[in-house]
C-alpha cells in the first residue's frame, strides 16, 4: 500500500505528475518510508500528509510536539527498526503497543514490529519532523541496519518476505543485542561467554540475518542451508537443484551469535558447543508452512549448522511429471498395484527416493487399504497413512517397528530404508505372506541391489520369489527455459564415453546462458533419471543360479530397461538437461 502513496496523492490532485515521477525515482535509493520522502522534498506539507493518511487508512492522528515519550516504551523497538520505518513506540497498555508512524499504511513495518515485540501494534499517524526529532533524541544512529542490509543484499525488505516464527512472542525477550560491523577476514573472533552468547542470539541484527537466510532459501526453493565457520571465513551456502551455492559471507564476528540464534529457535542447548545436536523449527515463510530439520556439528573453528528444508507444498505426487519413459512408468505402476511382493528404490541421498515412495503411496491410498510406514525422519505428513517415527535410541529400529507393524494387519508397508540383514529378512517374509512392501536401499544401480540383498544374508530363492521390481534413480538439473540456447559439444568427448556416430548425429545440444530467473546458473528445477528393472521370469532364474550382476544387467537391457546413462542421454537429446549433468550423475552403462 505504501508504495502506491504518490499515485493516490496524484489522483487526488495533491501531487503533480512531475512530482510523482521524481518521488518514485528518489524512493529507489531512499532508506525511508515514501511519506517521509514526499514531506522531506517539500512536495506535501507535514500537516496535509498526516491528515491524508489518517483519513485514508482510518487511523488516529497525533501531535507529538508536546508528548513525553517513556524511555522504557521506546526501548521495546530497536534503533535500526525505528529508524528504518520512522516509527516510534509511544505508549504501552498491557499487550497493546501504540506506535507513532510517518506512514501508518506500511503493513510490513507493522508486521515487523509485531513480530519483534510480540505485542499487538496500534498505529497512529504523526508528522515527519516530530517523529524525526524523537528518533534523534531516543535512538543512536547505529550501524546495525546498514551493515545487515549490505551483508544480506536487501535485508531491509525482510518484512516484505513475510517470515513469521511459530511462536514469535519470545523474540522480544533477551538482551540489548550486539553492535556489529564488517571486519577483515584476518580478524580473530573474540571469546564469547555464555551470557553474551544467549543475548547475542536475540539481538535484532542477528534475528534479521537469520530470517533473511531462511526466507531467501525458501524463495530460491533450496533443499538445505549450510552455515560453515572456517579460520578466516564464515560462509552461508544454499543447496539449489542439488548443487551448493554461496549465499553470503557474514563477518567472522557473527558466527557464534548466528548459531546461537538458530539454536534458540530450534530449542537446542545454547551452552553446549562440543556435541552434535538435532532439532527442528516450524516456520511460516512466504505464506507456506515450512519445517526445518536442524543439525549442529562441532568443527575446528566453531559449530557447523545444516538445516534441511521440508516444504509440503512443493511435494509433487504425480508420477507422470517425474520424467519416466512410457515403458518405465508402465512397469512401475504395474509393480505398485501388485497384491504382494517387494518394490525397492535405490540411489544416493538426495536422489528423490522418498518422494517416489510417497508418490506410490498416494496412488495406493484408498479407504479399503491399510497402509503403515516407518521412517527416519518422517518428512511429510500423508493423510490417511499411518506413519511411525523410528527411534533407535529407545529400541524402535526399522526391524522392531516392522515386527510390530505386521501384527496390525496392514495391506501395504513402507520402510524408510533396509539397513541390515535382519530388517531385510523380515521385509522378505512380509512380502511372501501377502503384504506389499516398499522400501529403499543404497546401491549404485538396480541390478546391484540383488547382490546387496544376498550379501545381507537373504537366500537367492527368497530374493527371486519376493522382489517385484527394483528401480535406481538420480536427479539432474533442468536447463532454464528462460535462457536456453543451442551449444556446440565436442563429438570426440561423447565418442570416448561410448556413444556412436549414429547416436550423436543430428542431436542439437542445449545449455542455459544464465539469467535472473535461474540466478545465473543456467539451470532451474530438476528431472529424474530412472533405471526400472522388473523382475521377469528370466531374471528370477538368473538370481536363483547366482548369475553375475553384469549378466543380469545385460538381460534387463535386452528386455527394455534403460540404464541411468541411457535415460540421461534421452533427456539430453530432448533438450531437458546438459551433457555435463549426464556425466555428473551417471556412469557408463
Protein backbone atom coordinates (compact mmCIF):
# COMPACT_ATOMS: atom_id res chain seq x y z
CA UNK A 1 0.00 0.00 0.00
CA UNK A 2 2.81 2.39 0.95
CA UNK A 3 4.49 2.22 -2.42
CA UNK A 4 1.27 3.46 -4.14
CA UNK A 5 1.03 6.52 -1.90
CA UNK A 6 2.31 9.00 -4.50
CA UNK A 7 -0.19 7.66 -7.04
CA UNK A 8 -3.04 8.15 -4.56
CA UNK A 9 -1.93 11.71 -3.84
CA UNK A 10 -1.61 12.45 -7.55
CA UNK A 11 -5.13 11.17 -8.23
CA UNK A 12 -6.46 13.49 -5.51
CA UNK A 13 -4.66 16.47 -7.03
CA UNK A 14 -2.17 16.81 -4.16
CA UNK A 15 0.80 15.90 -6.38
CA UNK A 16 1.69 16.73 -9.97
CA UNK A 17 2.84 14.07 -12.43
CA UNK A 18 6.35 15.52 -12.37
CA UNK A 19 6.43 15.39 -8.56
CA UNK A 20 5.13 11.83 -8.62
CA UNK A 21 7.87 10.75 -11.05
CA UNK A 22 10.56 12.49 -9.01
CA UNK A 23 9.28 10.87 -5.79
CA UNK A 24 9.31 7.40 -7.38
CA UNK A 25 12.90 7.93 -8.57
CA UNK A 26 14.00 9.24 -5.17
CA UNK A 27 12.34 6.31 -3.39
CA UNK A 28 14.51 3.79 -5.22
CA UNK A 29 17.51 4.88 -3.17
CA UNK A 30 15.87 6.42 -0.09
CA UNK A 31 16.02 4.31 3.08
CA UNK A 32 12.81 5.79 4.49
CA UNK A 33 9.03 5.49 4.07
CA UNK A 34 7.61 7.16 0.96
CA UNK A 35 5.53 9.53 3.08
CA UNK A 36 8.76 10.79 4.65
CA UNK A 37 10.35 11.28 1.22
CA UNK A 38 7.41 13.35 0.00
CA UNK A 39 7.49 15.63 3.07
CA UNK A 40 11.28 15.92 3.06
CA UNK A 41 11.25 17.01 -0.59
CA UNK A 42 8.60 19.64 0.20
CA UNK A 43 6.04 18.15 -2.17
CA UNK A 44 3.43 17.81 0.58
CA UNK A 45 3.29 19.62 3.91
CA UNK A 46 3.64 17.64 7.10
CA UNK A 47 0.12 18.51 8.24
CA UNK A 48 -1.50 17.63 4.89
CA UNK A 49 0.29 14.26 4.79
CA UNK A 50 -0.68 13.37 8.36
CA UNK A 51 -4.35 14.27 7.86
CA UNK A 52 -4.47 12.47 4.50
CA UNK A 53 -3.04 9.24 5.94
CA UNK A 54 -5.33 9.44 8.97
CA UNK A 55 -8.48 9.72 6.82
CA UNK A 56 -7.36 7.37 4.05
CA UNK A 57 -6.36 4.48 6.32
CA UNK A 58 -8.75 5.12 9.20
CA UNK A 59 -6.12 5.58 11.90
CA UNK A 60 -5.93 8.35 14.53
CA UNK A 61 -3.52 11.25 14.03
CA UNK A 62 -1.41 12.60 16.88
CA UNK A 63 0.51 15.79 17.63
CA UNK A 64 3.80 14.74 19.22
CA UNK A 65 5.22 18.22 19.75
CA UNK A 66 4.39 18.23 23.48
CA UNK A 67 4.14 14.47 24.04
CA UNK A 68 6.53 12.94 26.60
CA UNK A 69 7.69 9.51 25.46
CA UNK A 70 8.59 6.97 28.17
CA UNK A 71 12.16 5.61 27.72
CA UNK A 72 11.08 2.08 28.78
CA UNK A 73 8.46 2.03 26.00
CA UNK A 74 10.88 3.38 23.38
CA UNK A 75 13.31 0.53 24.13
CA UNK A 76 10.71 -2.06 23.04
CA UNK A 77 11.69 -1.36 19.42
CA UNK A 78 15.35 -1.44 18.41
CA UNK A 79 17.05 1.58 16.86
CA UNK A 80 17.52 0.05 13.41
CA UNK A 81 13.84 -0.88 13.11
CA UNK A 82 12.60 2.51 14.35
CA UNK A 83 14.91 4.46 12.01
CA UNK A 84 14.12 2.23 9.05
CA UNK A 85 10.34 2.66 9.33
CA UNK A 86 10.33 6.10 11.02
CA UNK A 87 8.14 4.57 13.72
CA UNK A 88 8.41 5.08 17.48
CA UNK A 89 6.50 3.31 20.26
CA UNK A 90 4.91 5.95 22.46
CA UNK A 91 2.55 4.09 24.79
CA UNK A 92 2.00 0.57 26.08
CA UNK A 93 -1.14 -0.73 27.77
CA UNK A 94 -0.98 -4.45 28.57
CA UNK A 95 -0.42 -6.33 25.31
CA UNK A 96 -1.22 -3.25 23.22
CA UNK A 97 1.57 -1.02 21.89
CA UNK A 98 0.77 2.36 20.30
CA UNK A 99 3.30 3.30 17.61
CA UNK A 100 3.55 6.75 16.02
CA UNK A 101 4.40 6.40 12.32
CA UNK A 102 5.10 8.75 9.46
CA UNK A 103 3.37 6.18 7.23
CA UNK A 104 0.82 4.08 9.21
CA UNK A 105 -0.21 2.29 5.99
CA UNK A 106 3.10 0.37 5.93
CA UNK A 107 1.83 -3.10 6.79
CA UNK A 108 5.34 -4.56 6.58
CA UNK A 109 6.51 -2.15 9.29
CA UNK A 110 3.55 -3.12 11.46
CA UNK A 111 4.22 -6.83 10.97
CA UNK A 112 7.94 -6.42 11.72
CA UNK A 113 7.27 -4.55 14.96
CA UNK A 114 4.58 -7.02 15.99
CA UNK A 115 6.94 -9.89 15.18
CA UNK A 116 9.86 -8.43 17.14
CA UNK A 117 7.92 -7.29 20.20
CA UNK A 118 5.27 -9.99 20.45
CA UNK A 119 2.68 -7.25 21.13
CA UNK A 120 -0.43 -6.06 19.31
CA UNK A 121 0.52 -2.88 17.43
CA UNK A 122 -1.85 0.10 17.10
CA UNK A 123 -0.56 2.71 14.63
CA UNK A 124 -1.20 6.44 14.80
CA UNK A 125 -0.29 8.96 12.08
CA UNK A 126 2.32 11.53 13.15
CA UNK A 127 4.25 14.30 11.45
CA UNK A 128 7.60 13.66 9.75
CA UNK A 129 9.57 16.27 11.72
CA UNK A 130 8.03 15.27 15.05
CA UNK A 131 8.91 11.59 14.56
CA UNK A 132 12.38 12.51 13.30
CA UNK A 133 13.01 14.58 16.43
CA UNK A 134 12.03 11.72 18.76
CA UNK A 135 14.24 9.32 16.77
CA UNK A 136 17.22 11.63 17.17
CA UNK A 137 16.54 12.08 20.89
CA UNK A 138 15.99 8.46 21.88
CA UNK A 139 17.91 6.32 19.36
CA UNK A 140 21.57 6.28 18.38
CA UNK A 141 22.07 6.31 14.64
CA UNK A 142 23.91 2.99 14.87
CA UNK A 143 25.23 0.83 12.09
CA UNK A 144 23.20 -2.31 12.61
CA UNK A 145 20.68 -1.83 9.83
CA UNK A 146 23.10 -0.60 7.17
CA UNK A 147 25.58 -3.36 7.93
CA UNK A 148 22.97 -6.08 7.72
CA UNK A 149 21.42 -4.59 4.59
CA UNK A 150 24.78 -4.58 2.84
CA UNK A 151 25.55 -8.07 4.08
CA UNK A 152 22.26 -9.61 3.07
CA UNK A 153 21.75 -7.82 -0.20
CA UNK A 154 18.41 -6.26 0.57
CA UNK A 155 17.70 -7.48 4.06
CA UNK A 156 15.80 -4.27 4.73
CA UNK A 157 12.93 -5.89 2.85
CA UNK A 158 12.61 -8.82 5.22
CA UNK A 159 9.15 -7.64 6.21
CA UNK A 160 8.07 -7.86 2.57
CA UNK A 161 9.01 -11.52 2.51
CA UNK A 162 6.53 -12.43 5.23
CA UNK A 163 8.52 -14.69 7.54
CA UNK A 164 7.00 -15.44 10.94
CA UNK A 165 8.39 -17.79 13.51
CA UNK A 166 5.91 -20.02 15.33
CA UNK A 167 5.64 -18.87 18.08
CA UNK A 168 7.02 -15.35 17.77
CA UNK A 169 6.44 -13.82 21.20
CA UNK A 170 9.73 -14.99 22.67
CA UNK A 171 11.71 -12.90 20.20
CA UNK A 172 11.02 -9.83 22.32
CA UNK A 173 12.93 -11.36 25.20
CA UNK A 174 16.69 -11.29 25.64
CA UNK A 175 19.46 -8.72 25.79
CA UNK A 176 20.06 -5.40 24.12
CA UNK A 177 21.79 -7.01 21.16
CA UNK A 178 25.25 -6.58 19.67
CA UNK A 179 26.73 -3.71 17.72
CA UNK A 180 28.17 -5.36 14.61
CA UNK A 181 30.37 -4.09 11.85
CA UNK A 182 32.31 -5.56 8.98
CA UNK A 183 35.69 -7.00 9.92
CA UNK A 184 38.64 -8.08 7.81
CA UNK A 185 38.98 -11.81 7.22
CA UNK A 186 42.12 -11.75 9.31
CA UNK A 187 40.30 -10.59 12.43
CA UNK A 188 40.02 -13.24 15.12
CA UNK A 189 36.72 -13.87 16.85
CA UNK A 190 36.76 -12.73 20.44
CA UNK A 191 35.93 -15.14 23.25
CA UNK A 192 32.21 -15.12 23.96
CA UNK A 193 30.84 -16.08 27.34
CA UNK A 194 27.54 -17.92 27.59
CA UNK A 195 25.52 -14.96 28.84
CA UNK A 196 26.72 -12.82 25.94
CA UNK A 197 26.02 -15.65 23.53
CA UNK A 198 22.41 -16.03 24.69
CA UNK A 199 21.85 -12.28 24.41
CA UNK A 200 23.52 -12.16 21.01
CA UNK A 201 21.16 -14.85 19.76
CA UNK A 202 18.24 -12.50 20.47
CA UNK A 203 19.86 -9.34 19.02
CA UNK A 204 17.81 -7.69 16.30
CA UNK A 205 20.51 -7.67 13.58
CA UNK A 206 21.18 -11.37 14.19
CA UNK A 207 17.44 -12.12 14.11
CA UNK A 208 17.15 -10.26 10.81
CA UNK A 209 20.15 -12.06 9.35
CA UNK A 210 18.75 -15.50 10.25
CA UNK A 211 15.30 -14.50 8.96
CA UNK A 212 16.83 -13.35 5.68
CA UNK A 213 18.78 -16.59 5.23
CA UNK A 214 15.70 -18.75 5.83
CA UNK A 215 13.42 -16.61 3.68
CA UNK A 216 15.88 -16.49 0.80
CA UNK A 217 16.37 -20.26 0.98
CA UNK A 218 12.62 -20.83 0.65
CA UNK A 219 12.31 -18.19 -2.09
CA UNK A 220 15.04 -19.92 -4.08
CA UNK A 221 13.49 -23.38 -3.46
CA UNK A 222 16.70 -24.60 -1.78
CA UNK A 223 16.66 -28.04 -0.18
CA UNK A 224 19.05 -27.19 2.64
CA UNK A 225 21.09 -24.41 4.26
CA UNK A 226 24.75 -24.85 5.25
CA UNK A 227 26.34 -22.47 7.77
CA UNK A 228 30.08 -23.09 7.88
CA UNK A 229 32.79 -21.50 10.07
CA UNK A 230 36.42 -21.57 8.93
CA UNK A 231 39.57 -19.96 10.32
CA UNK A 232 39.31 -16.76 8.25
CA UNK A 233 35.92 -17.18 6.62
CA UNK A 234 32.29 -17.56 7.67
CA UNK A 235 30.11 -18.84 4.85
CA UNK A 236 26.40 -19.49 4.23
CA UNK A 237 25.52 -21.75 1.31
CA UNK A 238 22.22 -22.99 -0.13
CA UNK A 239 21.72 -26.26 -1.97
CA UNK A 240 19.70 -25.39 -5.06
CA UNK A 241 18.75 -28.14 -7.50
CA UNK A 242 21.24 -30.42 -5.77
CA UNK A 243 24.24 -28.07 -6.02
CA UNK A 244 25.64 -25.87 -3.23
CA UNK A 245 25.89 -22.15 -3.99
CA UNK A 246 27.23 -19.38 -1.73
CA UNK A 247 24.54 -17.01 -0.44
CA UNK A 248 26.72 -14.73 1.68
CA UNK A 249 29.88 -14.46 3.76
CA UNK A 250 28.95 -12.65 7.01
CA UNK A 251 31.65 -11.21 9.31
CA UNK A 252 33.57 -13.77 11.34
CA UNK A 253 32.44 -11.99 14.48
CA UNK A 254 28.84 -13.05 13.79
CA UNK A 255 29.34 -16.80 13.74
CA UNK A 256 28.73 -17.57 17.43
CA UNK A 257 25.69 -15.31 17.72
CA UNK A 258 24.15 -16.53 14.47
CA UNK A 259 24.46 -20.17 15.52
CA UNK A 260 23.08 -19.26 18.95
CA UNK A 261 20.03 -17.70 17.31
CA UNK A 262 19.33 -20.86 15.33
CA UNK A 263 19.73 -22.95 18.49
CA UNK A 264 17.24 -20.74 20.33
CA UNK A 265 14.72 -21.17 17.50
CA UNK A 266 15.16 -24.96 17.39
CA UNK A 267 15.10 -25.31 21.21
CA UNK A 268 18.64 -26.69 21.41
CA UNK A 269 21.10 -26.19 24.24
CA UNK A 270 22.90 -22.91 23.51
CA UNK A 271 25.54 -23.60 26.16
CA UNK A 272 26.55 -26.98 24.64
CA UNK A 273 29.05 -26.30 21.87
CA UNK A 274 31.10 -29.52 21.98
CA UNK A 275 28.49 -32.12 21.00
CA UNK A 276 26.30 -32.57 17.90
CA UNK A 277 22.64 -31.64 18.41
CA UNK A 278 19.47 -32.16 16.37
CA UNK A 279 16.27 -30.13 16.45
CA UNK A 280 13.56 -28.65 14.31
CA UNK A 281 11.96 -25.28 13.60
CA UNK A 282 8.38 -24.72 12.43
CA UNK A 283 8.05 -21.59 10.31
CA UNK A 284 5.61 -19.84 8.07
CA UNK A 285 7.58 -18.39 5.16
CA UNK A 286 6.12 -16.60 2.15
CA UNK A 287 2.70 -17.91 3.14
CA UNK A 288 3.88 -21.54 3.31
CA UNK A 289 4.34 -23.78 6.34
CA UNK A 290 7.93 -24.98 6.44
CA UNK A 291 9.72 -27.50 8.64
CA UNK A 292 13.46 -27.05 9.15
CA UNK A 293 15.42 -30.08 10.41
CA UNK A 294 18.43 -28.60 12.21
CA UNK A 295 21.72 -30.41 12.77
CA UNK A 296 24.70 -28.82 14.55
CA UNK A 297 28.20 -30.27 14.46
CA UNK A 298 31.30 -29.03 16.32
CA UNK A 299 34.13 -28.45 13.84
CA UNK A 300 37.61 -26.96 14.17
CA UNK A 301 36.60 -23.29 14.11
CA UNK A 302 33.14 -23.33 15.68
CA UNK A 303 29.85 -25.11 15.01
CA UNK A 304 28.64 -26.08 11.55
CA UNK A 305 24.87 -25.97 11.07
CA UNK A 306 22.85 -27.70 8.37
CA UNK A 307 19.13 -27.01 8.08
CA UNK A 308 17.12 -29.27 5.80
CA UNK A 309 14.04 -27.55 4.38
CA UNK A 310 10.86 -29.61 4.19
CA UNK A 311 8.14 -27.84 2.24
CA UNK A 312 5.00 -29.96 1.97
CA UNK A 313 3.53 -27.57 -0.62
CA UNK A 314 6.37 -28.37 -3.04
CA UNK A 315 5.86 -32.14 -2.79
CA UNK A 316 4.88 -33.42 -6.24
CA UNK A 317 2.99 -36.70 -6.13
CA UNK A 318 2.04 -37.07 -9.80
CA UNK A 319 4.33 -39.78 -11.18
CA UNK A 320 3.55 -38.70 -14.74
CA UNK A 321 5.54 -35.49 -14.15
CA UNK A 322 8.65 -37.17 -12.77
CA UNK A 323 10.38 -37.87 -16.10
CA UNK A 324 9.60 -41.58 -16.53
CA UNK A 325 9.61 -43.01 -20.03
CA UNK A 326 6.35 -44.62 -21.05
CA UNK A 327 7.60 -48.22 -20.58
CA UNK A 328 9.30 -47.44 -17.25
CA UNK A 329 6.17 -45.80 -15.84
CA UNK A 330 4.01 -48.69 -17.01
CA UNK A 331 6.31 -51.22 -15.30
CA UNK A 332 6.44 -49.17 -12.11
CA UNK A 333 2.66 -48.77 -11.92
CA UNK A 334 2.16 -52.49 -12.52
CA UNK A 335 4.51 -53.31 -9.61
CA UNK A 336 2.92 -50.97 -7.07
CA UNK A 337 -0.54 -52.39 -7.82
CA UNK A 338 0.60 -55.98 -7.22
CA UNK A 339 -1.09 -57.66 -4.23
CA UNK A 340 2.21 -58.62 -2.55
CA UNK A 341 5.96 -58.53 -3.03
CA UNK A 342 8.83 -56.09 -2.57
CA UNK A 343 9.49 -52.94 -4.60
CA UNK A 344 12.90 -51.36 -3.99
CA UNK A 345 14.07 -47.83 -4.83
CA UNK A 346 17.84 -47.34 -4.85
CA UNK A 347 20.10 -44.34 -5.12
CA UNK A 348 22.22 -41.96 -3.04
CA UNK A 349 20.94 -39.43 -0.54
CA UNK A 350 19.13 -36.60 -2.32
CA UNK A 351 18.10 -38.63 -5.37
CA UNK A 352 14.36 -38.34 -4.68
CA UNK A 353 13.75 -41.86 -3.35
CA UNK A 354 11.40 -40.75 -0.57
CA UNK A 355 9.39 -38.59 -2.97
CA UNK A 356 8.97 -41.57 -5.31
CA UNK A 357 7.78 -43.74 -2.42
CA UNK A 358 5.34 -41.08 -1.22
CA UNK A 359 4.00 -40.76 -4.76
CA UNK A 360 3.48 -44.51 -4.94
CA UNK A 361 1.65 -44.45 -1.59
CA UNK A 362 -0.57 -41.61 -2.79
CA UNK A 363 -1.59 -43.83 -5.73
CA UNK A 364 -2.39 -46.69 -3.36
CA UNK A 365 -4.00 -44.66 -0.57
CA UNK A 366 -7.67 -45.66 -0.75
CA UNK A 367 -10.17 -46.22 2.05
CA UNK A 368 -10.13 -50.00 1.57
CA UNK A 369 -6.37 -50.32 2.20
CA UNK A 370 -4.44 -50.20 5.49
CA UNK A 371 -1.05 -48.52 4.95
CA UNK A 372 1.70 -48.34 7.57
CA UNK A 373 5.11 -46.68 7.25
CA UNK A 374 8.22 -46.49 9.43
CA UNK A 375 10.57 -43.62 8.60
CA UNK A 376 13.58 -41.79 10.00
CA UNK A 377 12.67 -38.99 9.84
CA UNK A 378 9.05 -38.60 8.73
CA UNK A 379 9.49 -35.96 6.06
CA UNK A 380 5.88 -35.24 5.13
CA UNK A 381 2.52 -35.99 6.69
CA UNK A 382 0.39 -38.14 4.37
CA UNK A 383 -3.33 -38.02 5.10
CA UNK A 384 -4.81 -41.49 5.52
CA UNK A 385 -1.41 -43.15 6.04
CA UNK A 386 -0.29 -44.32 9.49
CA UNK A 387 3.31 -43.14 9.86
CA UNK A 388 5.76 -44.26 12.56
CA UNK A 389 8.91 -42.35 13.51
CA UNK A 390 11.85 -44.73 14.09
CA UNK A 391 13.59 -44.09 17.44
CA UNK A 392 16.72 -46.30 17.55
CA UNK A 393 17.82 -44.82 20.91
CA UNK A 394 14.79 -46.41 22.61
CA UNK A 395 14.92 -49.63 20.60
CA UNK A 396 12.33 -48.69 17.97
CA UNK A 397 14.51 -49.62 14.99
CA UNK A 398 13.22 -50.32 11.48
CA UNK A 399 13.29 -54.06 12.27
CA UNK A 400 11.47 -53.70 15.61
CA UNK A 401 8.87 -51.38 14.10
CA UNK A 402 8.34 -53.77 11.19
CA UNK A 403 7.70 -56.70 13.52
CA UNK A 404 5.11 -54.65 15.41
CA UNK A 405 3.52 -53.42 12.18
CA UNK A 406 2.89 -56.96 10.96
CA UNK A 407 0.66 -57.53 13.98
CA UNK A 408 -1.51 -54.61 12.83
CA UNK A 409 -2.68 -56.47 9.69
CA UNK A 410 -1.56 -53.92 7.08
CA UNK A 411 -2.07 -54.31 3.34
CA UNK A 412 0.90 -52.12 2.42
CA UNK A 413 4.11 -51.42 4.33
CA UNK A 414 6.66 -48.73 3.57
CA UNK A 415 10.10 -48.99 5.17
CA UNK A 416 12.23 -45.86 5.02
CA UNK A 417 15.33 -47.95 4.39
CA UNK A 418 16.55 -51.55 4.55
CA UNK A 419 19.78 -51.09 6.51
CA UNK A 420 20.74 -54.57 7.67
CA UNK A 421 20.18 -58.29 7.21
CA UNK A 422 17.56 -58.82 9.94
CA UNK A 423 15.40 -55.97 8.59
CA UNK A 424 15.79 -57.30 5.04
CA UNK A 425 14.76 -60.79 6.19
CA UNK A 426 11.60 -59.52 7.93
CA UNK A 427 10.71 -57.47 4.83
CA UNK A 428 11.10 -60.53 2.60
CA UNK A 429 8.98 -62.66 4.92
CA UNK A 430 6.30 -59.96 4.97
CA UNK A 431 6.25 -59.87 1.17
CA UNK A 432 5.90 -63.65 0.98
CA UNK A 433 2.99 -63.66 3.43
CA UNK A 434 0.72 -61.35 1.44
CA UNK A 435 1.99 -57.81 2.03
CA UNK A 436 3.16 -55.23 -0.48
CA UNK A 437 6.45 -53.81 0.85
CA UNK A 438 8.03 -50.62 -0.47
CA UNK A 439 11.50 -49.62 0.66
CA UNK A 440 14.85 -48.07 -0.27
CA UNK A 441 18.35 -49.46 -0.50
CA UNK A 442 21.73 -47.81 -1.00
CA UNK A 443 23.22 -49.23 -4.21
CA UNK A 444 24.51 -47.61 -7.37
CA UNK A 445 22.15 -49.26 -9.83
CA UNK A 446 19.18 -51.64 -9.97
CA UNK A 447 20.95 -54.98 -10.73
CA UNK A 448 23.48 -54.40 -7.90
CA UNK A 449 20.60 -54.45 -5.39
CA UNK A 450 20.20 -58.19 -5.93
CA UNK A 451 23.78 -58.94 -4.86
CA UNK A 452 23.38 -56.46 -1.98
CA UNK A 453 20.38 -58.40 -0.60
CA UNK A 454 22.23 -61.70 -0.97
CA UNK A 455 25.26 -60.19 0.81
CA UNK A 456 22.90 -59.26 3.67
CA UNK A 457 22.18 -62.94 4.13
CA UNK A 458 18.95 -63.33 2.15
CA UNK A 459 18.85 -66.63 0.24
CA UNK A 460 18.72 -66.24 -3.58
CA UNK A 461 15.44 -68.19 -3.79
CA UNK A 462 13.85 -65.72 -1.32
CA UNK A 463 15.13 -62.72 -3.31
CA UNK A 464 13.85 -64.12 -6.60
CA UNK A 465 10.41 -65.04 -5.25
CA UNK A 466 9.78 -61.83 -3.25
CA UNK A 467 11.11 -59.00 -5.47
CA UNK A 468 8.72 -57.41 -7.95
CA UNK A 469 10.79 -54.51 -9.28
CA UNK A 470 14.00 -52.66 -8.47
CA UNK A 471 14.42 -49.04 -9.53
CA UNK A 472 17.57 -46.92 -9.42
CA UNK A 473 17.22 -43.17 -9.76
CA UNK A 474 19.07 -39.87 -9.84
CA UNK A 475 18.09 -36.21 -10.18
CA UNK A 476 19.68 -33.94 -12.78
CA UNK A 477 19.18 -30.21 -13.21
CA UNK A 478 16.85 -28.97 -15.92
CA UNK A 479 18.05 -26.35 -18.36
CA UNK A 480 16.44 -23.00 -17.57
CA UNK A 481 13.68 -22.36 -20.12
CA UNK A 482 14.22 -18.58 -19.95
CA UNK A 483 17.84 -18.64 -21.17
CA UNK A 484 18.06 -21.98 -23.00
CA UNK A 485 20.19 -21.85 -26.14
CA UNK A 486 21.91 -24.31 -28.55
CA UNK A 487 25.60 -25.04 -27.88
CA UNK A 488 28.39 -26.93 -29.60
CA UNK A 489 29.69 -30.10 -27.93
CA UNK A 490 32.97 -31.78 -28.84
CA UNK A 491 31.89 -35.03 -30.59
CA UNK A 492 35.10 -36.81 -29.57
CA UNK A 493 34.25 -36.44 -25.87
CA UNK A 494 30.95 -38.24 -26.49
CA UNK A 495 32.63 -40.94 -28.60
CA UNK A 496 35.07 -41.51 -25.73
CA UNK A 497 32.08 -42.14 -23.46
CA UNK A 498 30.93 -44.98 -25.69
CA UNK A 499 28.39 -43.22 -27.89
CA UNK A 500 28.48 -43.97 -31.62
CA UNK A 501 28.47 -41.59 -34.55
CA UNK A 502 24.87 -42.64 -35.15
CA UNK A 503 23.90 -41.70 -31.59
CA UNK A 504 25.38 -38.21 -31.93
CA UNK A 505 24.30 -37.45 -35.49
CA UNK A 506 21.57 -34.81 -35.71
CA UNK A 507 21.44 -34.11 -31.96
CA UNK A 508 21.07 -30.42 -31.04
CA UNK A 509 22.64 -29.81 -27.63
CA UNK A 510 21.43 -27.07 -25.31
CA UNK A 511 22.64 -25.14 -22.29
CA UNK A 512 21.37 -22.27 -20.16
CA UNK A 513 23.16 -18.97 -20.69
CA UNK A 514 22.32 -17.75 -17.17
CA UNK A 515 19.63 -15.21 -16.32
CA UNK A 516 17.86 -13.69 -13.28
CA UNK A 517 15.22 -16.45 -13.36
CA UNK A 518 17.88 -19.12 -12.67
CA UNK A 519 20.19 -16.91 -10.56
CA UNK A 520 22.76 -17.04 -13.34
CA UNK A 521 23.26 -20.83 -13.15
CA UNK A 522 21.60 -21.81 -16.42
CA UNK A 523 19.52 -24.42 -14.57
CA UNK A 524 16.10 -24.26 -12.93
CA UNK A 525 14.37 -27.28 -11.41
CA UNK A 526 15.28 -30.95 -11.69
CA UNK A 527 14.11 -34.02 -13.56
CA UNK A 528 14.53 -37.68 -12.63
CA UNK A 529 16.61 -40.36 -14.31
CA UNK A 530 15.16 -43.83 -13.86
CA UNK A 531 16.56 -47.33 -14.29
CA UNK A 532 13.48 -49.52 -13.84
CA UNK A 533 14.12 -53.28 -13.69
CA UNK A 534 11.06 -55.55 -13.37
CA UNK A 535 11.96 -58.99 -12.03
CA UNK A 536 10.91 -61.03 -15.06
CA UNK A 537 10.88 -64.87 -15.11
CA UNK A 538 14.26 -64.88 -16.90
CA UNK A 539 15.82 -62.61 -14.28
CA UNK A 540 14.30 -64.76 -11.47
CA UNK A 541 16.07 -67.80 -12.94
CA UNK A 542 19.33 -65.84 -13.16
CA UNK A 543 19.05 -64.83 -9.48
CA UNK A 544 18.42 -68.47 -8.47
CA UNK A 545 21.52 -69.61 -10.36
CA UNK A 546 23.58 -66.71 -8.89
CA UNK A 547 24.43 -65.13 -12.23
CA UNK A 548 26.80 -62.13 -12.24
CA UNK A 549 25.37 -58.61 -11.93
CA UNK A 550 26.68 -57.72 -15.41
CA UNK A 551 24.81 -60.67 -16.92
CA UNK A 552 21.58 -59.69 -15.16
CA UNK A 553 22.00 -56.08 -16.33
CA UNK A 554 22.53 -57.19 -19.94
CA UNK A 555 19.36 -59.32 -19.81
CA UNK A 556 17.34 -56.44 -18.31
CA UNK A 557 18.53 -54.07 -21.06
CA UNK A 558 17.65 -56.70 -23.65
CA UNK A 559 14.12 -56.75 -22.18
CA UNK A 560 13.74 -52.96 -22.48
CA UNK A 561 15.32 -51.49 -19.35
CA UNK A 562 17.10 -48.16 -19.83
CA UNK A 563 20.22 -47.72 -17.71
CA UNK A 564 20.66 -44.39 -15.93
CA UNK A 565 23.14 -43.27 -18.62
CA UNK A 566 20.72 -44.28 -21.41
CA UNK A 567 17.83 -42.41 -19.76
CA UNK A 568 20.05 -39.36 -19.23
CA UNK A 569 21.11 -39.42 -22.90
CA UNK A 570 17.46 -39.42 -23.93
CA UNK A 571 16.84 -36.30 -21.82
CA UNK A 572 19.93 -34.61 -23.30
CA UNK A 573 18.56 -35.23 -26.81
CA UNK A 574 15.17 -33.81 -25.75
CA UNK A 575 16.90 -30.61 -24.56
CA UNK A 576 15.87 -31.18 -20.93
CA UNK A 577 19.38 -31.33 -19.46
CA UNK A 578 23.03 -30.96 -20.43
CA UNK A 579 25.86 -33.36 -21.23
CA UNK A 580 27.66 -32.09 -18.10
CA UNK A 581 24.73 -33.11 -15.89
CA UNK A 582 24.59 -36.53 -17.56
CA UNK A 583 28.29 -37.09 -16.82
CA UNK A 584 27.98 -35.79 -13.26
CA UNK A 585 25.16 -38.13 -12.24
CA UNK A 586 25.63 -41.32 -14.27
CA UNK A 587 28.29 -43.91 -15.02
CA UNK A 588 28.78 -45.67 -18.34
CA UNK A 589 26.31 -48.44 -18.97
